[in-house]
Amino acid sequence: MKNFALYRMFIIVTMSVRFFLQITFFHKKHRGKWTKQTTKKWEDLLKRQASEYRRTALRLDGLLIKLGQFLSTRADIMPPIFIKELEDLIDRVPSVSWAAVKNILEKEWGKPYDAVLQKISEHPIASASIGQVYKAVLPDAKTVAVKIQRPGIQQIISTDFKAIRIVMWLARFLTPFGKQIDLPTLYQEIKETVGEELDFLKELENGLYFTKRYEAFEKVDIPVYYEEYSTEKVLVMEWVEGARVTDLKFLQENGINRRDLAARLMEMFLEQLLQEGKFHADPHPGNILVKKDGTITLIDFGMVSYIRKSDAASIRQGVEGILIGDYDQVVSSLERLHFLLPDADKERLKQIIRTLVTTYTEHHFTMADDFLMEQLLSDVETIIKEQPIQLPSEFAFFGRAASIFIGILYILDPDIDLLEVSKPLIFKWLKENPEPGSASNRTILHLLIRSIRPLLSIPRQIEQTLDEPRKYREWRQRHGQRQLEQAFLLSKTRDALLFIVISLFLMASTFFLEQELWLYGSGVLAFISFLYYVSSLWAHRKWLKGPK
């Protein structure tokens, strides 16, 4: 049944609508009565929804798995309990029979597969939602990996996108999620990225791109691709003998220094972050292999995204601002990257970033103050979530890649200091790629000042620490009131839209049942609901134009 388009669309849309209604009615029921018990019920609801999504994704395969992986990285819009449930959703699905896959292979090559290969394993070594990978041998005895697209996957993905488009349209009107991000742009970004995964020639092109990009890096390899055997649905590449980068037993047995390995991975990641061009959007441990001599091999370039030159410049200026303590520059870079909505409190954001960076770099807390450190980080996270901050859709996949990559670094070296490891690499990039108006030429001077800053800044730190609770309470009171006002106005708008949908459904039902009285009554209800909806929208727009 899961291969039938209408069945897939029905399951995806009805599941999503049920989630939306559960959330809406939960907020209606508990409006103004939010207690610890309410929070527990809310988290239980989200956990049930996330579990259902996970089960449905694994049952249907297709786009839902990749969408779940994407949602699990969106901490800016998704609740932590939902993220926790989906964060280990792995793109591994039951394999398709060899007979079905062999038909695709021979159709793409236009000849029997044994006319090209000496031999090929009939059981895949890896099976994902888009393709299956087999181990094979070429006529010249070279061992290769052959990636073959799953039968019918293009039609399945196309169907899922239609369903997701309907879901996103509903989300724009029925959920706060739909008002936090630009859903049409996000949809287009996902569609383009996954669409490229369906064309293995794009993956071939990406592999050749990264081969050239990393040719100057020591002990970094990209597999050799065989263009003459590769097509839109078949990709042939060099077979790589190695272990996952997180296989700690393999690293120990081969005497590979984990800290050195983490530092080299960090250099590779920063090279993608600070420079314009393509970046690997799916760097999970299975796509980063380590050979016995410590050589890092990147594989699977199906999911790749792009950083524009202007964005790379803004990122470099933001990183530079953090290193030299210029937080106006940091906030300005976030604004140029479109991370901030118009009514963001820039001064408050600057204080948040300063507090977080200062705490991390200057270690004001002792080991006995772990609780205070955790409380500070919790407060910072809460404030950031309450600020009008959004993750632009073009950075969604980069955020996912960064999250996965940092997780790998901490597995390799739990004590890694990301800032200290990245400093020399960042200074190198800033020196080699100065931007107009950048402070790069003043970096050495700022580093000298920074080296004595801890001795000079103790009185300032005490003053900031004493003043922080008062500023925080004032900010919470001001923004808390506005949040309540906005939630009430949005709730009225959703109620009105819900009544319109219900009344239209009643009108359609009574029309076919020829119940004239009920038809007039539902028509009047639809008209009143429409007026209520218009007045709610007008009130919300007026509120947005009001004082911040």
Protein backbone atom coordinates (compact mmCIF):
# COMPACT_ATOMS: atom_id res chain seq x y z
CA MET A 1 0.00 0.00 0.00
CA LYS A 2 2.84 2.40 0.75
CA ASN A 3 3.67 2.62 -2.96
CA PHE A 4 0.22 4.03 -3.84
CA ALA A 5 0.26 7.83 -4.17
CA LEU A 6 -3.19 8.54 -2.68
CA TYR A 7 -2.52 6.28 0.29
CA ARG A 8 0.80 8.01 1.06
CA MET A 9 -0.71 11.49 0.75
CA PHE A 10 -3.68 10.51 2.93
CA ILE A 11 -1.43 9.14 5.70
CA ILE A 12 0.94 12.15 5.67
CA VAL A 13 -1.75 14.86 5.54
CA THR A 14 -4.13 13.29 8.07
CA MET A 15 -1.28 12.67 10.52
CA SER A 16 -0.20 16.30 10.24
CA VAL A 17 -3.73 17.71 10.57
CA ARG A 18 -4.30 15.55 13.65
CA PHE A 19 -1.08 16.93 15.17
CA PHE A 20 -2.17 20.52 14.42
CA LEU A 21 -5.61 20.01 16.00
CA GLN A 22 -4.17 18.30 19.08
CA ILE A 23 -1.83 21.25 19.66
CA THR A 24 -4.58 23.83 19.05
CA PHE A 25 -7.09 22.20 21.41
CA PHE A 26 -4.40 21.65 24.06
CA HIS A 27 -3.62 25.38 24.13
CA LYS A 28 -7.34 26.20 24.21
CA LYS A 29 -7.93 23.89 27.14
CA HIS A 30 -4.98 25.13 29.19
CA ARG A 31 -5.04 28.83 28.30
CA GLY A 32 -4.00 30.80 31.37
CA LYS A 33 -3.56 27.62 33.46
CA TRP A 34 0.00 26.59 32.65
CA THR A 35 1.42 24.67 35.61
CA LYS A 36 4.10 22.00 36.09
CA GLN A 37 1.44 19.37 35.50
CA THR A 38 0.40 21.14 32.28
CA THR A 39 4.03 21.18 31.12
CA LYS A 40 4.28 17.45 31.77
CA LYS A 41 1.11 16.81 29.72
CA TRP A 42 2.41 19.04 26.92
CA GLU A 43 5.72 17.18 26.75
CA ASP A 44 3.89 13.84 26.75
CA LEU A 45 1.77 15.02 23.80
CA LEU A 46 4.81 16.11 21.81
CA LYS A 47 6.62 12.87 22.59
CA ARG A 48 3.64 10.83 21.36
CA GLN A 49 3.50 12.90 18.17
CA ALA A 50 7.23 12.54 17.54
CA SER A 51 7.05 8.78 18.13
CA GLU A 52 4.14 8.46 15.71
CA TYR A 53 6.01 10.50 13.10
CA ARG A 54 9.06 8.28 13.55
CA ARG A 55 7.04 5.08 13.12
CA THR A 56 5.25 6.48 10.07
CA ALA A 57 8.52 7.62 8.48
CA LEU A 58 10.12 4.20 8.92
CA ARG A 59 6.99 2.49 7.55
CA LEU A 60 6.56 4.72 4.47
CA ASP A 61 10.27 5.40 3.73
CA GLY A 62 10.69 8.09 1.09
CA LEU A 63 10.88 11.75 2.01
CA LEU A 64 9.61 11.46 5.59
CA ILE A 65 12.92 10.04 6.86
CA LYS A 66 14.95 12.91 5.44
CA LEU A 67 12.37 15.45 6.61
CA GLY A 68 12.53 13.95 10.12
CA GLN A 69 16.32 14.23 10.12
CA PHE A 70 15.97 17.85 9.06
CA LEU A 71 13.37 18.70 11.75
CA SER A 72 15.54 17.10 14.43
CA THR A 73 18.15 19.82 13.83
CA ARG A 74 15.79 22.81 13.93
CA ALA A 75 16.19 23.79 17.59
CA ASP A 76 15.07 27.31 16.63
CA ILE A 77 11.52 26.14 15.86
CA MET A 78 11.05 22.58 17.15
CA PRO A 79 10.49 21.67 20.84
CA PRO A 80 13.41 19.84 22.51
CA ILE A 81 11.28 16.77 23.31
CA PHE A 82 10.42 16.41 19.59
CA ILE A 83 14.05 16.83 18.57
CA LYS A 84 15.23 14.21 21.07
CA GLU A 85 12.83 11.64 19.66
CA LEU A 86 13.89 12.20 16.05
CA GLU A 87 17.62 12.97 16.38
CA ASP A 88 18.70 9.36 15.80
CA LEU A 89 16.31 8.71 12.91
CA ILE A 90 18.68 6.94 10.52
CA ASP A 91 18.17 6.66 6.77
CA ARG A 92 18.28 2.86 6.69
CA VAL A 93 15.41 0.96 5.13
CA PRO A 94 14.81 -2.66 4.09
CA SER A 95 16.54 -3.51 0.83
CA VAL A 96 14.79 -4.11 -2.49
CA SER A 97 15.25 -7.47 -4.23
CA TRP A 98 18.30 -7.95 -6.49
CA ALA A 99 16.05 -8.75 -9.46
CA ALA A 100 14.35 -5.33 -9.30
CA VAL A 101 17.65 -3.48 -8.86
CA LYS A 102 19.35 -5.49 -11.62
CA ASN A 103 16.67 -4.34 -14.07
CA ILE A 104 17.50 -0.71 -13.34
CA LEU A 105 21.25 -1.36 -13.65
CA GLU A 106 20.92 -3.06 -17.04
CA LYS A 107 18.43 -0.50 -18.33
CA GLU A 108 20.79 2.34 -17.46
CA TRP A 109 23.80 0.63 -19.05
CA GLY A 110 21.83 -0.74 -22.00
CA LYS A 111 23.51 -4.16 -21.68
CA PRO A 112 23.73 -7.10 -19.24
CA TYR A 113 25.52 -6.10 -16.05
CA ASP A 114 28.09 -8.91 -16.44
CA ALA A 115 29.24 -7.28 -19.67
CA VAL A 116 30.58 -4.42 -17.53
CA LEU A 117 31.43 -6.07 -14.22
CA GLN A 118 33.39 -9.18 -13.40
CA LYS A 119 31.12 -9.75 -10.43
CA ILE A 120 28.79 -7.94 -8.04
CA SER A 121 27.32 -8.89 -4.68
CA GLU A 122 23.62 -9.65 -4.88
CA HIS A 123 23.08 -8.35 -1.34
CA PRO A 124 23.61 -4.63 -0.73
CA ILE A 125 26.17 -3.49 1.82
CA ALA A 126 24.00 -0.42 2.54
CA SER A 127 20.36 0.37 1.88
CA ALA A 128 18.92 3.88 2.22
CA SER A 129 15.70 5.57 1.13
CA ILE A 130 17.05 6.63 -2.28
CA GLY A 131 19.70 4.07 -3.24
CA GLN A 132 21.39 0.79 -2.41
CA VAL A 133 25.16 0.20 -2.52
CA TYR A 134 26.79 -2.99 -3.81
CA LYS A 135 30.39 -4.18 -3.85
CA ALA A 136 31.62 -5.08 -7.36
CA VAL A 137 34.76 -5.74 -9.42
CA LEU A 138 35.61 -4.08 -12.77
CA PRO A 139 37.24 -5.95 -15.70
CA ASP A 140 40.64 -4.56 -14.66
CA ALA A 141 40.19 -6.17 -11.21
CA LYS A 142 39.59 -2.85 -9.41
CA THR A 143 37.09 -3.11 -6.57
CA VAL A 144 34.32 -0.52 -6.75
CA ALA A 145 31.14 0.51 -4.97
CA VAL A 146 28.06 0.63 -7.20
CA LYS A 147 25.19 2.79 -5.99
CA ILE A 148 21.87 1.97 -7.68
CA GLN A 149 18.66 3.97 -7.30
CA ARG A 150 15.70 2.19 -5.68
CA PRO A 151 12.91 1.26 -8.11
CA GLY A 152 10.07 3.81 -8.18
CA ILE A 153 11.73 6.18 -5.70
CA GLN A 154 11.30 9.23 -7.95
CA GLN A 155 7.52 8.76 -8.03
CA ILE A 156 7.42 8.19 -4.25
CA ILE A 157 9.43 11.35 -3.52
CA SER A 158 7.26 13.36 -5.94
CA THR A 159 4.12 12.16 -4.15
CA ASP A 160 5.58 12.98 -0.73
CA PHE A 161 6.43 16.51 -1.83
CA LYS A 162 2.82 17.07 -2.87
CA ALA A 163 1.68 15.93 0.55
CA ILE A 164 4.30 18.06 2.35
CA ARG A 165 3.25 21.08 0.31
CA ILE A 166 -0.34 20.64 1.51
CA VAL A 167 0.89 20.23 5.10
CA MET A 168 2.99 23.39 4.92
CA TRP A 169 0.05 25.33 3.48
CA LEU A 170 -2.09 24.22 6.42
CA ALA A 171 0.72 24.99 8.88
CA ARG A 172 0.85 28.60 7.68
CA PHE A 173 -2.71 29.16 8.91
CA LEU A 174 -3.14 26.72 11.78
CA THR A 175 0.14 26.73 13.73
CA PRO A 176 2.66 29.16 15.25
CA PHE A 177 5.32 27.14 13.35
CA GLY A 178 3.93 28.51 10.10
CA LYS A 179 4.53 32.07 11.23
CA GLN A 180 8.06 31.60 12.52
CA ILE A 181 9.78 30.78 9.24
CA ASP A 182 9.34 31.31 5.54
CA LEU A 183 7.69 27.99 4.71
CA PRO A 184 7.48 28.43 0.90
CA THR A 185 11.20 29.17 0.71
CA LEU A 186 11.98 26.32 3.08
CA TYR A 187 9.90 23.94 0.95
CA GLN A 188 11.76 25.01 -2.18
CA GLU A 189 15.13 24.53 -0.47
CA ILE A 190 14.27 20.99 0.64
CA LYS A 191 12.86 20.16 -2.78
CA GLU A 192 15.97 21.34 -4.60
CA THR A 193 18.35 19.54 -2.25
CA VAL A 194 16.50 16.22 -2.25
CA GLY A 195 15.84 16.58 -5.98
CA GLU A 196 19.58 16.69 -6.61
CA GLU A 197 19.98 13.49 -4.57
CA LEU A 198 17.77 11.74 -7.12
CA ASP A 199 20.22 12.58 -9.90
CA PHE A 200 23.42 10.60 -9.34
CA LEU A 201 25.19 12.65 -12.00
CA LYS A 202 24.84 15.60 -9.61
CA GLU A 203 26.50 13.52 -6.90
CA LEU A 204 29.27 12.67 -9.38
CA GLU A 205 29.72 16.38 -10.09
CA ASN A 206 29.84 17.14 -6.36
CA GLY A 207 32.40 14.39 -5.76
CA LEU A 208 34.69 15.81 -8.44
CA TYR A 209 34.22 19.29 -6.94
CA PHE A 210 35.33 18.19 -3.46
CA THR A 211 38.20 16.17 -4.93
CA LYS A 212 39.62 19.40 -6.32
CA ARG A 213 38.73 21.41 -3.22
CA TYR A 214 40.62 19.12 -0.84
CA GLU A 215 43.56 18.20 -3.06
CA ALA A 216 45.89 20.42 -1.00
CA PHE A 217 44.79 18.90 2.32
CA GLU A 218 47.17 16.36 3.80
CA LYS A 219 45.70 12.91 4.51
CA VAL A 220 42.26 13.76 3.14
CA ASP A 221 40.88 11.63 0.30
CA ILE A 222 37.81 11.59 -1.91
CA PRO A 223 36.99 8.33 -3.75
CA VAL A 224 37.79 8.10 -7.45
CA TYR A 225 34.61 8.31 -9.54
CA TYR A 226 34.18 6.36 -12.77
CA GLU A 227 32.33 8.72 -15.07
CA GLU A 228 32.15 6.24 -17.95
CA TYR A 229 29.96 3.88 -15.89
CA SER A 230 27.88 6.49 -14.05
CA THR A 231 24.36 7.58 -15.07
CA GLU A 232 21.42 9.40 -13.52
CA LYS A 233 20.48 6.25 -11.57
CA VAL A 234 23.82 4.44 -11.24
CA LEU A 235 27.00 5.74 -9.63
CA VAL A 236 30.31 3.85 -9.69
CA MET A 237 33.15 4.87 -7.42
CA GLU A 238 36.33 3.53 -5.83
CA TRP A 239 35.83 1.04 -3.00
CA VAL A 240 37.26 2.48 0.24
CA GLU A 241 38.52 0.22 3.03
CA GLY A 242 38.11 2.04 6.30
CA ALA A 243 36.06 2.40 9.47
CA ARG A 244 33.59 5.00 10.61
CA VAL A 245 35.26 8.03 12.12
CA THR A 246 33.53 7.28 15.44
CA ASP A 247 34.83 3.68 15.64
CA LEU A 248 37.03 4.32 18.67
CA LYS A 249 38.21 0.69 18.85
CA PHE A 250 39.52 0.90 15.26
CA LEU A 251 41.32 4.18 16.05
CA GLN A 252 42.98 2.67 19.11
CA GLU A 253 44.03 -0.54 17.33
CA ASN A 254 45.71 1.47 14.57
CA GLY A 255 47.36 4.02 16.84
CA ILE A 256 45.41 6.98 15.44
CA ASN A 257 45.51 10.04 17.70
CA ARG A 258 41.89 11.04 18.32
CA ARG A 259 42.73 14.61 19.28
CA ASP A 260 44.77 15.12 16.11
CA LEU A 261 41.98 13.56 14.06
CA ALA A 262 39.42 15.92 15.61
CA ALA A 263 41.65 18.93 14.85
CA ARG A 264 41.99 17.88 11.19
CA LEU A 265 38.23 17.42 10.91
CA MET A 266 37.72 20.87 12.39
CA GLU A 267 40.02 22.35 9.74
CA MET A 268 37.99 20.63 7.01
CA PHE A 269 34.72 21.90 8.47
CA LEU A 270 35.93 25.49 8.84
CA GLU A 271 37.18 25.44 5.27
CA GLN A 272 33.59 24.83 4.19
CA LEU A 273 32.14 27.35 6.68
CA LEU A 274 34.37 30.34 5.96
CA GLN A 275 34.63 30.07 2.18
CA GLU A 276 31.96 30.45 -0.44
CA GLY A 277 31.00 27.35 -2.36
CA LYS A 278 29.48 23.93 -1.73
CA PHE A 279 29.44 22.20 1.64
CA HIS A 280 28.71 18.61 2.61
CA ALA A 281 25.19 18.74 4.10
CA ASP A 282 25.15 15.17 5.44
CA PRO A 283 28.45 14.52 7.29
CA HIS A 284 27.20 11.74 9.56
CA PRO A 285 29.75 9.15 10.82
CA GLY A 286 28.92 6.71 8.02
CA ASN A 287 29.98 9.31 5.43
CA ILE A 288 33.35 10.03 7.08
CA LEU A 289 35.71 7.06 6.97
CA VAL A 290 39.21 6.66 8.43
CA LYS A 291 41.85 4.43 6.89
CA LYS A 292 44.43 2.50 8.92
CA ASP A 293 47.06 5.20 8.29
CA GLY A 294 44.73 7.93 9.64
CA THR A 295 43.68 9.28 6.25
CA ILE A 296 40.18 10.80 6.30
CA THR A 297 37.93 9.82 3.39
CA LEU A 298 34.69 11.70 2.66
CA ILE A 299 31.98 9.80 0.78
CA ASP A 300 28.38 10.30 -0.36
CA PHE A 301 27.97 13.80 -1.79
CA GLY A 302 24.31 13.42 -2.62
CA MET A 303 23.19 16.05 -0.10
CA VAL A 304 25.14 19.23 -0.78
CA SER A 305 24.20 22.87 -0.29
CA TYR A 306 25.86 26.20 -1.11
CA ILE A 307 27.21 29.24 0.75
CA ARG A 308 27.15 32.45 -1.27
CA LYS A 309 30.14 34.79 -1.33
CA SER A 310 28.26 37.53 0.55
CA ASP A 311 27.15 35.05 3.24
CA ALA A 312 30.70 33.72 3.63
CA ALA A 313 31.92 37.29 4.16
CA SER A 314 29.24 37.92 6.80
CA ILE A 315 30.08 34.67 8.58
CA ARG A 316 33.78 35.58 8.66
CA GLN A 317 32.98 39.01 10.07
CA GLY A 318 30.73 37.47 12.72
CA VAL A 319 33.40 34.99 13.78
CA GLU A 320 35.98 37.75 13.80
CA GLY A 321 33.69 39.86 15.98
CA ILE A 322 33.50 37.07 18.56
CA LEU A 323 37.30 36.64 18.58
CA ILE A 324 38.06 40.35 19.04
CA GLY A 325 35.12 41.08 21.35
CA ASP A 326 33.28 43.40 18.93
CA TYR A 327 29.68 42.33 19.59
CA ASP A 328 28.18 45.13 17.50
CA GLN A 329 29.94 43.49 14.56
CA VAL A 330 28.55 40.07 15.58
CA VAL A 331 24.95 41.31 15.71
CA SER A 332 25.45 43.21 12.47
CA SER A 333 26.65 40.04 10.75
CA LEU A 334 23.58 38.13 12.03
CA GLU A 335 21.39 40.86 10.60
CA ARG A 336 23.11 40.70 7.19
CA LEU A 337 22.61 36.94 7.22
CA HIS A 338 18.86 37.55 7.82
CA PHE A 339 18.87 35.73 11.16
CA LEU A 340 17.09 38.62 12.89
CA LEU A 341 13.50 39.69 12.36
CA PRO A 342 12.73 43.45 12.27
CA ASP A 343 11.68 43.75 15.93
CA ALA A 344 14.71 41.95 17.40
CA ASP A 345 16.19 43.60 20.50
CA LYS A 346 19.73 44.05 19.21
CA GLU A 347 21.11 45.48 22.45
CA ARG A 348 19.74 42.54 24.40
CA LEU A 349 21.17 40.09 21.86
CA LYS A 350 24.54 41.77 22.15
CA GLN A 351 24.46 41.28 25.94
CA ILE A 352 23.49 37.62 25.51
CA ILE A 353 26.34 36.90 23.10
CA ARG A 354 28.86 38.80 25.26
CA THR A 355 27.80 36.92 28.40
CA LEU A 356 27.96 33.54 26.72
CA VAL A 357 31.34 34.09 25.02
CA THR A 358 32.91 35.70 28.08
CA THR A 359 31.79 32.85 30.30
CA TYR A 360 33.08 30.24 27.86
CA THR A 361 36.46 31.84 27.12
CA GLU A 362 37.48 33.35 30.47
CA HIS A 363 36.18 30.56 32.75
CA HIS A 364 34.75 32.76 35.50
CA PHE A 365 33.14 29.74 37.17
CA THR A 366 35.00 27.15 39.18
CA MET A 367 34.15 23.44 39.19
CA ALA A 368 32.07 24.11 42.31
CA ASP A 369 29.89 26.48 40.31
CA ASP A 370 28.66 23.94 37.75
CA PHE A 371 25.07 24.55 38.78
CA LEU A 372 25.42 28.29 38.19
CA MET A 373 26.99 27.63 34.79
CA GLU A 374 24.13 25.33 33.80
CA GLN A 375 21.60 27.92 34.99
CA LEU A 376 23.29 30.65 32.95
CA LEU A 377 23.30 28.55 29.80
CA SER A 378 19.66 27.63 30.39
CA ASP A 379 18.73 31.31 30.76
CA VAL A 380 20.66 32.20 27.61
CA GLU A 381 18.86 29.45 25.67
CA THR A 382 15.49 30.64 26.95
CA ILE A 383 16.18 34.26 26.03
CA ILE A 384 17.33 33.34 22.54
CA LYS A 385 14.21 31.26 21.97
CA GLU A 386 12.03 34.18 23.08
CA GLN A 387 13.82 36.62 20.80
CA PRO A 388 12.54 37.11 17.22
CA ILE A 389 15.32 34.99 15.72
CA GLN A 390 14.86 32.67 12.77
CA LEU A 391 17.13 30.34 10.85
CA PRO A 392 16.95 31.26 7.16
CA SER A 393 16.03 28.30 5.01
CA GLU A 394 19.29 28.44 3.08
CA PHE A 395 21.13 27.73 6.37
CA ALA A 396 18.84 24.92 7.49
CA PHE A 397 21.02 22.16 6.04
CA PHE A 398 24.19 23.89 7.20
CA GLY A 399 22.80 23.91 10.75
CA ARG A 400 22.10 20.19 10.47
CA ALA A 401 25.62 19.54 9.14
CA ALA A 402 27.21 21.62 11.92
CA SER A 403 25.19 19.83 14.60
CA ILE A 404 26.23 16.38 13.34
CA PHE A 405 29.84 17.42 12.85
CA ILE A 406 30.26 18.92 16.32
CA GLY A 407 28.79 15.75 17.79
CA ILE A 408 31.49 13.74 16.01
CA LEU A 409 34.23 16.03 17.35
CA TYR A 410 33.07 15.55 20.94
CA ILE A 411 32.98 11.76 20.49
CA LEU A 412 36.59 11.83 19.32
CA ASP A 413 37.77 14.31 21.96
CA PRO A 414 35.31 14.94 24.83
CA ASP A 415 37.63 17.67 26.21
CA ILE A 416 38.00 19.55 22.92
CA ASP A 417 37.92 23.35 23.19
CA LEU A 418 36.30 24.29 19.89
CA LEU A 419 37.25 27.96 20.21
CA GLU A 420 40.91 27.28 20.96
CA VAL A 421 41.24 24.70 18.18
CA SER A 422 39.56 26.96 15.64
CA LYS A 423 41.38 30.20 16.54
CA PRO A 424 44.57 29.68 14.48
CA LEU A 425 42.55 28.35 11.55
CA ILE A 426 40.14 31.28 11.66
CA PHE A 427 42.96 33.84 11.92
CA LYS A 428 44.56 32.23 8.88
CA TRP A 429 41.36 32.55 6.85
CA LEU A 430 40.79 36.13 8.03
CA LYS A 431 44.31 37.09 7.00
CA GLU A 432 44.03 35.42 3.59
CA ASN A 433 40.49 36.68 2.90
CA PRO A 434 40.15 40.22 4.29
CA GLU A 435 36.85 41.98 3.60
CA PRO A 436 36.36 45.72 2.93
CA GLY A 437 35.69 47.45 6.24
CA SER A 438 36.80 44.36 8.16
CA ALA A 439 38.92 44.57 11.27
CA SER A 440 41.25 41.85 10.00
CA ASN A 441 44.22 44.20 9.81
CA ARG A 442 43.78 44.97 13.50
CA THR A 443 43.64 41.33 14.60
CA ILE A 444 47.14 41.21 16.18
CA LEU A 445 46.48 44.42 18.16
CA HIS A 446 43.20 43.04 19.44
CA LEU A 447 44.86 39.76 20.41
CA LEU A 448 47.41 41.69 22.51
CA ILE A 449 44.60 43.61 24.19
CA ARG A 450 42.65 40.40 24.67
CA SER A 451 45.60 38.74 26.42
CA ILE A 452 45.47 41.28 29.26
CA ARG A 453 41.70 41.77 29.19
CA PRO A 454 40.96 39.24 31.98
CA LEU A 455 43.13 41.31 34.39
CA LEU A 456 41.48 44.60 33.44
CA SER A 457 37.92 43.42 33.22
CA ILE A 458 37.26 42.04 36.72
CA PRO A 459 35.43 45.18 38.00
CA ARG A 460 33.38 45.28 34.77
CA GLN A 461 32.53 41.60 35.14
CA ILE A 462 31.34 42.11 38.72
CA GLU A 463 29.19 45.06 37.64
CA GLN A 464 27.70 43.09 34.74
CA THR A 465 27.00 40.10 36.96
CA LEU A 466 25.20 42.23 39.55
CA ASP A 467 23.23 44.16 36.92
CA GLU A 468 22.29 41.16 34.76
CA PRO A 469 19.35 39.85 36.89
CA ARG A 470 17.63 43.26 36.90
CA LYS A 471 17.98 43.70 33.13
CA TYR A 472 16.83 40.16 32.57
CA ARG A 473 13.69 40.63 34.72
CA GLU A 474 12.81 43.88 32.93
CA TRP A 475 13.26 42.27 29.55
CA ARG A 476 11.18 39.21 30.54
CA GLN A 477 8.33 41.38 31.82
CA ARG A 478 8.23 43.54 28.69
CA HIS A 479 8.50 40.72 26.19
CA GLY A 480 6.37 38.34 28.23
CA GLN A 481 3.44 40.76 28.05
CA ARG A 482 3.82 41.14 24.29
CA GLN A 483 3.98 37.37 23.86
CA LEU A 484 0.71 36.94 25.74
CA GLU A 485 -0.94 39.63 23.63
CA GLN A 486 0.26 38.06 20.38
CA ALA A 487 -0.76 34.56 21.47
CA PHE A 488 -4.29 35.80 22.22
CA LEU A 489 -4.63 37.56 18.86
CA LEU A 490 -3.26 34.56 16.93
CA SER A 491 -5.60 32.29 18.85
CA LYS A 492 -8.59 34.41 17.77
CA THR A 493 -7.44 34.22 14.15
CA ARG A 494 -7.08 30.43 14.25
CA ASP A 495 -10.48 30.07 15.91
CA ALA A 496 -12.11 32.12 13.19
CA LEU A 497 -10.42 30.10 10.44
CA LEU A 498 -11.49 26.86 12.10
CA PHE A 499 -15.12 28.05 12.24
CA ILE A 500 -14.96 28.97 8.56
CA VAL A 501 -13.76 25.47 7.65
CA ILE A 502 -16.44 23.84 9.80
CA SER A 503 -19.25 26.02 8.42
CA LEU A 504 -18.17 25.38 4.82
CA PHE A 505 -18.16 21.65 5.53
CA LEU A 506 -21.67 21.94 6.99
CA MET A 507 -22.83 23.91 3.95
CA ALA A 508 -21.51 21.23 1.59
CA SER A 509 -23.07 18.43 3.66
CA THR A 510 -26.50 20.06 3.99
CA PHE A 511 -26.52 20.94 0.29
CA PHE A 512 -26.14 17.31 -0.72
CA LEU A 513 -28.62 16.21 1.98
CA GLU A 514 -31.08 18.90 0.79
CA GLN A 515 -31.56 20.32 4.28
CA GLU A 516 -32.51 23.88 3.36
CA LEU A 517 -32.82 25.26 6.91
CA TRP A 518 -29.43 23.91 7.93
CA LEU A 519 -27.96 25.22 4.67
CA TYR A 520 -29.03 28.78 5.49
CA GLY A 521 -27.84 28.42 9.07
CA SER A 522 -24.38 27.19 8.07
CA GLY A 523 -24.18 29.98 5.48
CA VAL A 524 -24.86 32.58 8.18
CA LEU A 525 -22.24 30.92 10.41
CA ALA A 526 -19.69 31.05 7.55
CA PHE A 527 -20.39 34.76 6.99
CA ILE A 528 -20.05 35.61 10.68
CA SER A 529 -16.87 33.54 10.94
CA PHE A 530 -15.41 35.36 7.94
CA LEU A 531 -16.11 38.76 9.54
CA TYR A 532 -14.54 37.53 12.78
CA TYR A 533 -11.48 36.33 10.85
CA VAL A 534 -11.06 39.69 9.06
CA SER A 535 -11.42 41.64 12.31
CA SER A 536 -8.86 39.37 14.02
CA LEU A 537 -6.36 39.88 11.20
CA TRP A 538 -6.89 43.66 11.38
CA ALA A 539 -6.36 43.65 15.16
CA HIS A 540 -3.17 41.60 14.82
CA ARG A 541 -1.78 43.89 12.12
CA LYS A 542 -2.55 46.93 14.25
CA TRP A 543 -0.76 45.28 17.19
CA LEU A 544 2.34 44.60 15.04
CA LYS A 545 2.51 48.29 14.09
CA GLY A 546 2.21 49.33 17.72
CA PRO A 547 5.09 50.19 20.11
CA LYS A 548 7.64 47.47 20.73
